[in-house]
């Protein structure tokens, strides 16, 4: 598929995939989560409030986002 997530922003980091989802980080500080598969489905758009120019890393159920000022780790475990 070919879709436009948002107009006026750019994506420098490579997308990453895990658990049936594709994570795309934008220069303006948002993480877009798209359902992997044949049809486009935007699952969420999450603000990290700081530019993201580095590809996220995924390991052991944790996804790491490096913004210009912070390192953010997100896990589904509590």
PDB file of N, CA and C in Angstrom:
ATOM      1  N   UNK A   1       0.819  -1.177   0.000  1.00  0.00           N
ATOM      2  CA  UNK A   1       0.000   0.000   0.000  1.00  0.00           C
ATOM      3  C   UNK A   1       0.865   1.242   0.000  1.00  0.00           C
ATOM      4  N   UNK A   2       0.263   2.357  -0.353  1.00  0.00           N
ATOM      5  CA  UNK A   2       0.946   3.642  -0.326  1.00  0.00           C
ATOM      6  C   UNK A   2       0.018   4.629   0.372  1.00  0.00           C
ATOM      7  N   UNK A   3       0.477   5.170   1.483  1.00  0.00           N
ATOM      8  CA  UNK A   3      -0.332   6.091   2.273  1.00  0.00           C
ATOM      9  C   UNK A   3       0.522   7.253   2.743  1.00  0.00           C
ATOM     10  N   UNK A   4      -0.120   8.355   3.033  1.00  0.00           N
ATOM     11  CA  UNK A   4       0.538   9.508   3.626  1.00  0.00           C
ATOM     12  C   UNK A   4       0.115   9.575   5.086  1.00  0.00           C
ATOM     13  N   UNK A   5       1.084   9.501   5.987  1.00  0.00           N
ATOM     14  CA  UNK A   5       0.760   9.561   7.409  1.00  0.00           C
ATOM     15  C   UNK A   5       0.430  10.980   7.843  1.00  0.00           C
ATOM     16  N   UNK A   6       1.218  11.912   7.386  1.00  0.00           N
ATOM     17  CA  UNK A   6       1.008  13.307   7.749  1.00  0.00           C
ATOM     18  C   UNK A   6       1.713  14.180   6.730  1.00  0.00           C
ATOM     19  N   UNK A   7       1.191  15.315   6.487  1.00  0.00           N
ATOM     20  CA  UNK A   7       1.810  16.242   5.541  1.00  0.00           C
ATOM     21  C   UNK A   7       2.692  17.232   6.299  1.00  0.00           C
ATOM     22  N   UNK A   8       3.804  17.585   5.702  1.00  0.00           N
ATOM     23  CA  UNK A   8       4.655  18.604   6.293  1.00  0.00           C
ATOM     24  C   UNK A   8       5.675  18.101   7.294  1.00  0.00           C
ATOM     25  N   UNK A   9       5.825  16.814   7.439  1.00  0.00           N
ATOM     26  CA  UNK A   9       6.866  16.286   8.328  1.00  0.00           C
ATOM     27  C   UNK A   9       7.727  15.323   7.527  1.00  0.00           C
ATOM     28  N   UNK A  10       8.863  14.976   8.095  1.00  0.00           N
ATOM     29  CA  UNK A  10       9.739  14.046   7.399  1.00  0.00           C
ATOM     30  C   UNK A  10      10.144  12.912   8.334  1.00  0.00           C
ATOM     31  N   UNK A  11      10.564  11.833   7.716  1.00  0.00           N
ATOM     32  CA  UNK A  11      10.988  10.641   8.438  1.00  0.00           C
ATOM     33  C   UNK A  11      12.429  10.356   8.039  1.00  0.00           C
ATOM     34  N   UNK A  12      13.330  10.398   8.999  1.00  0.00           N
ATOM     35  CA  UNK A  12      14.748  10.157   8.749  1.00  0.00           C
ATOM     36  C   UNK A  12      15.124   8.745   9.192  1.00  0.00           C
ATOM     37  N   UNK A  13      14.626   8.328  10.352  1.00  0.00           N
ATOM     38  CA  UNK A  13      14.936   7.009  10.905  1.00  0.00           C
ATOM     39  C   UNK A  13      14.228   5.919  10.109  1.00  0.00           C
ATOM     40  N   UNK A  14      14.809   4.750  10.084  1.00  0.00           N
ATOM     41  CA  UNK A  14      14.192   3.601   9.420  1.00  0.00           C
ATOM     42  C   UNK A  14      13.031   3.079  10.261  1.00  0.00           C
ATOM     43  N   UNK A  15      11.995   2.565   9.614  1.00  0.00           N
ATOM     44  CA  UNK A  15      10.919   1.933  10.372  1.00  0.00           C
ATOM     45  C   UNK A  15      11.402   0.601  10.951  1.00  0.00           C
ATOM     46  N   UNK A  16      10.791   0.190  12.057  1.00  0.00           N
ATOM     47  CA  UNK A  16      11.086  -1.111  12.658  1.00  0.00           C
ATOM     48  C   UNK A  16       9.771  -1.851  12.872  1.00  0.00           C
ATOM     49  N   UNK A  17       9.829  -3.174  12.934  1.00  0.00           N
ATOM     50  CA  UNK A  17       8.624  -3.977  13.101  1.00  0.00           C
ATOM     51  C   UNK A  17       8.790  -4.964  14.241  1.00  0.00           C
ATOM     52  N   UNK A  18       7.693  -5.192  14.948  1.00  0.00           N
ATOM     53  CA  UNK A  18       7.670  -6.171  16.027  1.00  0.00           C
ATOM     54  C   UNK A  18       6.216  -6.479  16.360  1.00  0.00           C
ATOM     55  N   UNK A  19       5.943  -7.738  16.654  1.00  0.00           N
ATOM     56  CA  UNK A  19       4.632  -8.155  17.147  1.00  0.00           C
ATOM     57  C   UNK A  19       3.490  -7.717  16.221  1.00  0.00           C
ATOM     58  N   UNK A  20       3.712  -7.786  14.902  1.00  0.00           N
ATOM     59  CA  UNK A  20       2.670  -7.446  13.951  1.00  0.00           C
ATOM     60  C   UNK A  20       2.413  -5.961  13.762  1.00  0.00           C
ATOM     61  N   UNK A  21       3.340  -5.134  14.253  1.00  0.00           N
ATOM     62  CA  UNK A  21       3.195  -3.682  14.139  1.00  0.00           C
ATOM     63  C   UNK A  21       4.459  -3.084  13.521  1.00  0.00           C
ATOM     64  N   UNK A  22       4.279  -1.979  12.805  1.00  0.00           N
ATOM     65  CA  UNK A  22       5.396  -1.227  12.238  1.00  0.00           C
ATOM     66  C   UNK A  22       5.453   0.116  12.953  1.00  0.00           C
ATOM     67  N   UNK A  23       6.642   0.471  13.436  1.00  0.00           N
ATOM     68  CA  UNK A  23       6.843   1.712  14.169  1.00  0.00           C
ATOM     69  C   UNK A  23       7.624   2.681  13.287  1.00  0.00           C
ATOM     70  N   UNK A  24       7.061   3.879  13.082  1.00  0.00           N
ATOM     71  CA  UNK A  24       7.706   4.909  12.278  1.00  0.00           C
ATOM     72  C   UNK A  24       7.852   6.157  13.148  1.00  0.00           C
ATOM     73  N   UNK A  25       9.054   6.705  13.193  1.00  0.00           N
ATOM     74  CA  UNK A  25       9.296   7.885  14.018  1.00  0.00           C
ATOM     75  C   UNK A  25       9.551   9.088  13.118  1.00  0.00           C
ATOM     76  N   UNK A  26       8.923  10.202  13.458  1.00  0.00           N
ATOM     77  CA  UNK A  26       9.039  11.403  12.628  1.00  0.00           C
ATOM     78  C   UNK A  26       9.972  12.422  13.265  1.00  0.00           C
ATOM     79  N   UNK A  27      10.480  13.289  12.419  1.00  0.00           N
ATOM     80  CA  UNK A  27      11.370  14.354  12.891  1.00  0.00           C
ATOM     81  C   UNK A  27      10.679  15.307  13.841  1.00  0.00           C
ATOM     82  N   UNK A  28       9.356  15.408  13.741  1.00  0.00           N
ATOM     83  CA  UNK A  28       8.655  16.340  14.634  1.00  0.00           C
ATOM     84  C   UNK A  28       8.241  15.700  15.957  1.00  0.00           C
ATOM     85  N   UNK A  29       8.734  14.485  16.252  1.00  0.00           N
ATOM     86  CA  UNK A  29       8.563  13.900  17.577  1.00  0.00           C
ATOM     87  C   UNK A  29       7.364  12.996  17.777  1.00  0.00           C
ATOM     88  N   UNK A  30       6.845  12.410  16.704  1.00  0.00           N
ATOM     89  CA  UNK A  30       5.723  11.491  16.840  1.00  0.00           C
ATOM     90  C   UNK A  30       6.136  10.073  16.458  1.00  0.00           C
ATOM     91  N   UNK A  31       5.521   9.100  17.124  1.00  0.00           N
ATOM     92  CA  UNK A  31       5.680   7.693  16.770  1.00  0.00           C
ATOM     93  C   UNK A  31       4.344   7.231  16.197  1.00  0.00           C
ATOM     94  N   UNK A  32       4.385   6.783  14.956  1.00  0.00           N
ATOM     95  CA  UNK A  32       3.206   6.248  14.287  1.00  0.00           C
ATOM     96  C   UNK A  32       3.295   4.728  14.337  1.00  0.00           C
ATOM     97  N   UNK A  33       2.202   4.095  14.730  1.00  0.00           N
ATOM     98  CA  UNK A  33       2.168   2.632  14.783  1.00  0.00           C
ATOM     99  C   UNK A  33       1.139   2.168  13.763  1.00  0.00           C
ATOM    100  N   UNK A  34       1.616   1.349  12.815  1.00  0.00           N
ATOM    101  CA  UNK A  34       0.792   0.861  11.717  1.00  0.00           C
ATOM    102  C   UNK A  34       0.701  -0.658  11.825  1.00  0.00           C
ATOM    103  N   UNK A  35      -0.479  -1.189  11.580  1.00  0.00           N
ATOM    104  CA  UNK A  35      -0.669  -2.634  11.563  1.00  0.00           C
ATOM    105  C   UNK A  35       0.074  -3.220  10.374  1.00  0.00           C
ATOM    106  N   UNK A  36       0.897  -4.237  10.593  1.00  0.00           N
ATOM    107  CA  UNK A  36       1.581  -4.909   9.490  1.00  0.00           C
ATOM    108  C   UNK A  36       0.559  -5.730   8.711  1.00  0.00           C
ATOM    109  N   UNK A  37       0.705  -5.768   7.399  1.00  0.00           N
ATOM    110  CA  UNK A  37      -0.211  -6.555   6.589  1.00  0.00           C
ATOM    111  C   UNK A  37      -0.470  -5.925   5.242  1.00  0.00           C
ATOM    112  N   UNK A  38      -1.392  -6.507   4.501  1.00  0.00           N
ATOM    113  CA  UNK A  38      -1.679  -6.056   3.145  1.00  0.00           C
ATOM    114  C   UNK A  38      -2.455  -4.742   3.103  1.00  0.00           C
ATOM    115  N   UNK A  39      -3.259  -4.471   4.109  1.00  0.00           N
ATOM    116  CA  UNK A  39      -4.084  -3.266   4.138  1.00  0.00           C
ATOM    117  C   UNK A  39      -3.551  -2.274   5.165  1.00  0.00           C
ATOM    118  N   UNK A  40      -3.584  -0.996   4.811  1.00  0.00           N
ATOM    119  CA  UNK A  40      -3.102   0.054   5.714  1.00  0.00           C
ATOM    120  C   UNK A  40      -4.083   0.262   6.858  1.00  0.00           C
ATOM    121  N   UNK A  41      -3.542   0.275   8.072  1.00  0.00           N
ATOM    122  CA  UNK A  41      -4.351   0.597   9.248  1.00  0.00           C
ATOM    123  C   UNK A  41      -3.458   1.290  10.265  1.00  0.00           C
ATOM    124  N   UNK A  42      -3.696   2.596  10.474  1.00  0.00           N
ATOM    125  CA  UNK A  42      -2.963   3.355  11.483  1.00  0.00           C
ATOM    126  C   UNK A  42      -3.559   3.026  12.840  1.00  0.00           C
ATOM    127  N   UNK A  43      -2.746   2.454  13.730  1.00  0.00           N
ATOM    128  CA  UNK A  43      -3.219   2.076  15.057  1.00  0.00           C
ATOM    129  C   UNK A  43      -3.151   3.227  16.047  1.00  0.00           C
ATOM    130  N   UNK A  44      -2.071   4.016  15.963  1.00  0.00           N
ATOM    131  CA  UNK A  44      -1.965   5.158  16.866  1.00  0.00           C
ATOM    132  C   UNK A  44      -0.879   6.123  16.411  1.00  0.00           C
ATOM    133  N   UNK A  45      -0.982   7.332  16.925  1.00  0.00           N
ATOM    134  CA  UNK A  45       0.016   8.390  16.719  1.00  0.00           C
ATOM    135  C   UNK A  45       0.328   8.923  18.109  1.00  0.00           C
ATOM    136  N   UNK A  46       1.576   8.748  18.540  1.00  0.00           N
ATOM    137  CA  UNK A  46       1.960   9.080  19.911  1.00  0.00           C
ATOM    138  C   UNK A  46       3.029  10.162  19.943  1.00  0.00           C
ATOM    139  N   UNK A  47       2.789  11.258  20.678  1.00  0.00           N
ATOM    140  CA  UNK A  47       3.792  12.319  20.764  1.00  0.00           C
ATOM    141  C   UNK A  47       4.887  11.978  21.775  1.00  0.00           C
ATOM    142  N   UNK A  48       6.131  12.198  21.381  1.00  0.00           N
ATOM    143  CA  UNK A  48       7.243  12.100  22.326  1.00  0.00           C
ATOM    144  C   UNK A  48       7.804  13.486  22.629  1.00  0.00           C
ATOM    145  N   UNK A  49       7.256  14.513  21.993  1.00  0.00           N
ATOM    146  CA  UNK A  49       7.535  15.923  22.290  1.00  0.00           C
ATOM    147  C   UNK A  49       8.987  16.332  22.109  1.00  0.00           C
ATOM    148  N   UNK A  50       9.714  15.620  21.266  1.00  0.00           N
ATOM    149  CA  UNK A  50      11.105  15.946  21.003  1.00  0.00           C
ATOM    150  C   UNK A  50      11.470  15.297  19.666  1.00  0.00           C
ATOM    151  N   UNK A  51      12.252  15.941  18.830  1.00  0.00           N
ATOM    152  CA  UNK A  51      12.588  15.356  17.529  1.00  0.00           C
ATOM    153  C   UNK A  51      13.232  13.972  17.650  1.00  0.00           C
ATOM    154  N   UNK A  52      12.855  13.083  16.715  1.00  0.00           N
ATOM    155  CA  UNK A  52      13.395  11.724  16.672  1.00  0.00           C
ATOM    156  C   UNK A  52      14.069  11.546  15.316  1.00  0.00           C
ATOM    157  N   UNK A  53      15.370  11.301  15.346  1.00  0.00           N
ATOM    158  CA  UNK A  53      16.109  11.162  14.103  1.00  0.00           C
ATOM    159  C   UNK A  53      16.891   9.851  14.044  1.00  0.00           C
ATOM    160  N   UNK A  54      16.695   8.992  15.035  1.00  0.00           N
ATOM    161  CA  UNK A  54      17.437   7.736  15.130  1.00  0.00           C
ATOM    162  C   UNK A  54      16.449   6.582  15.146  1.00  0.00           C
ATOM    163  N   UNK A  55      16.772   5.505  14.450  1.00  0.00           N
ATOM    164  CA  UNK A  55      15.924   4.323  14.373  1.00  0.00           C
ATOM    165  C   UNK A  55      15.720   3.723  15.762  1.00  0.00           C
ATOM    166  N   UNK A  56      14.475   3.400  16.134  1.00  0.00           N
ATOM    167  CA  UNK A  56      14.228   2.756  17.428  1.00  0.00           C
ATOM    168  C   UNK A  56      14.879   1.376  17.486  1.00  0.00           C
ATOM    169  N   UNK A  57      15.129   0.919  18.701  1.00  0.00           N
ATOM    170  CA  UNK A  57      15.688  -0.421  18.920  1.00  0.00           C
ATOM    171  C   UNK A  57      14.670  -1.248  19.701  1.00  0.00           C
ATOM    172  N   UNK A  58      14.559  -2.525  19.338  1.00  0.00           N
ATOM    173  CA  UNK A  58      13.614  -3.420  20.012  1.00  0.00           C
ATOM    174  C   UNK A  58      14.378  -4.636  20.510  1.00  0.00           C
ATOM    175  N   UNK A  59      14.201  -4.962  21.798  1.00  0.00           N
ATOM    176  CA  UNK A  59      14.824  -6.140  22.378  1.00  0.00           C
ATOM    177  C   UNK A  59      14.074  -6.568  23.633  1.00  0.00           C
ATOM    178  N   UNK A  60      13.909  -7.860  23.812  1.00  0.00           N
ATOM    179  CA  UNK A  60      13.307  -8.428  25.027  1.00  0.00           C
ATOM    180  C   UNK A  60      11.993  -7.752  25.430  1.00  0.00           C
ATOM    181  N   UNK A  61      11.131  -7.458  24.469  1.00  0.00           N
ATOM    182  CA  UNK A  61       9.828  -6.872  24.770  1.00  0.00           C
ATOM    183  C   UNK A  61       9.851  -5.397  25.100  1.00  0.00           C
ATOM    184  N   UNK A  62      10.959  -4.740  24.862  1.00  0.00           N
ATOM    185  CA  UNK A  62      11.089  -3.301  25.135  1.00  0.00           C
ATOM    186  C   UNK A  62      11.458  -2.598  23.838  1.00  0.00           C
ATOM    187  N   UNK A  63      10.832  -1.452  23.579  1.00  0.00           N
ATOM    188  CA  UNK A  63      11.217  -0.622  22.440  1.00  0.00           C
ATOM    189  C   UNK A  63      11.832   0.662  22.991  1.00  0.00           C
ATOM    190  N   UNK A  64      12.992   1.014  22.431  1.00  0.00           N
ATOM    191  CA  UNK A  64      13.737   2.192  22.873  1.00  0.00           C
ATOM    192  C   UNK A  64      13.667   3.268  21.798  1.00  0.00           C
ATOM    193  N   UNK A  65      13.308   4.469  22.215  1.00  0.00           N
ATOM    194  CA  UNK A  65      13.274   5.624  21.331  1.00  0.00           C
ATOM    195  C   UNK A  65      14.305   6.634  21.825  1.00  0.00           C
ATOM    196  N   UNK A  66      15.183   7.062  20.949  1.00  0.00           N
ATOM    197  CA  UNK A  66      16.191   8.081  21.291  1.00  0.00           C
ATOM    198  C   UNK A  66      15.752   9.375  20.627  1.00  0.00           C
ATOM    199  N   UNK A  67      15.345  10.327  21.444  1.00  0.00           N
ATOM    200  CA  UNK A  67      14.993  11.641  20.929  1.00  0.00           C
ATOM    201  C   UNK A  67      16.234  12.526  21.018  1.00  0.00           C
ATOM    202  N   UNK A  68      16.091  13.774  20.673  1.00  0.00           N
ATOM    203  CA  UNK A  68      17.243  14.686  20.742  1.00  0.00           C
ATOM    204  C   UNK A  68      17.725  14.886  22.183  1.00  0.00           C
ATOM    205  N   UNK A  69      16.816  14.729  23.166  1.00  0.00           N
ATOM    206  CA  UNK A  69      17.190  14.995  24.559  1.00  0.00           C
ATOM    207  C   UNK A  69      17.008  13.818  25.511  1.00  0.00           C
ATOM    208  N   UNK A  70      16.290  12.772  25.083  1.00  0.00           N
ATOM    209  CA  UNK A  70      15.935  11.706  26.010  1.00  0.00           C
ATOM    210  C   UNK A  70      16.090  10.326  25.377  1.00  0.00           C
ATOM    211  N   UNK A  71      16.241   9.328  26.240  1.00  0.00           N
ATOM    212  CA  UNK A  71      16.146   7.926  25.854  1.00  0.00           C
ATOM    213  C   UNK A  71      14.909   7.384  26.554  1.00  0.00           C
ATOM    214  N   UNK A  72      13.948   6.901  25.776  1.00  0.00           N
ATOM    215  CA  UNK A  72      12.669   6.459  26.305  1.00  0.00           C
ATOM    216  C   UNK A  72      12.525   4.963  26.045  1.00  0.00           C
ATOM    217  N   UNK A  73      12.222   4.205  27.097  1.00  0.00           N
ATOM    218  CA  UNK A  73      11.993   2.762  26.980  1.00  0.00           C
ATOM    219  C   UNK A  73      10.538   2.481  27.294  1.00  0.00           C
ATOM    220  N   UNK A  74       9.872   1.698  26.409  1.00  0.00           N
ATOM    221  CA  UNK A  74       8.461   1.373  26.605  1.00  0.00           C
ATOM    222  C   UNK A  74       8.313  -0.140  26.545  1.00  0.00           C
ATOM    223  N   UNK A  75       7.579  -0.669  27.529  1.00  0.00           N
ATOM    224  CA  UNK A  75       7.324  -2.111  27.604  1.00  0.00           C
ATOM    225  C   UNK A  75       5.871  -2.337  27.981  1.00  0.00           C
ATOM    226  N   UNK A  76       5.327  -3.460  27.570  1.00  0.00           N
ATOM    227  CA  UNK A  76       3.951  -3.782  27.944  1.00  0.00           C
ATOM    228  C   UNK A  76       3.882  -4.419  29.333  1.00  0.00           C
ATOM    229  N   UNK A  77       5.027  -4.852  29.856  1.00  0.00           N
ATOM    230  CA  UNK A  77       5.062  -5.438  31.192  1.00  0.00           C
ATOM    231  C   UNK A  77       5.012  -4.358  32.253  1.00  0.00           C
ATOM    232  N   UNK A  78       4.422  -4.701  33.393  1.00  0.00           N
ATOM    233  CA  UNK A  78       4.298  -3.719  34.468  1.00  0.00           C
ATOM    234  C   UNK A  78       5.132  -4.071  35.650  1.00  0.00           C
TER     235      UNK A  78
END
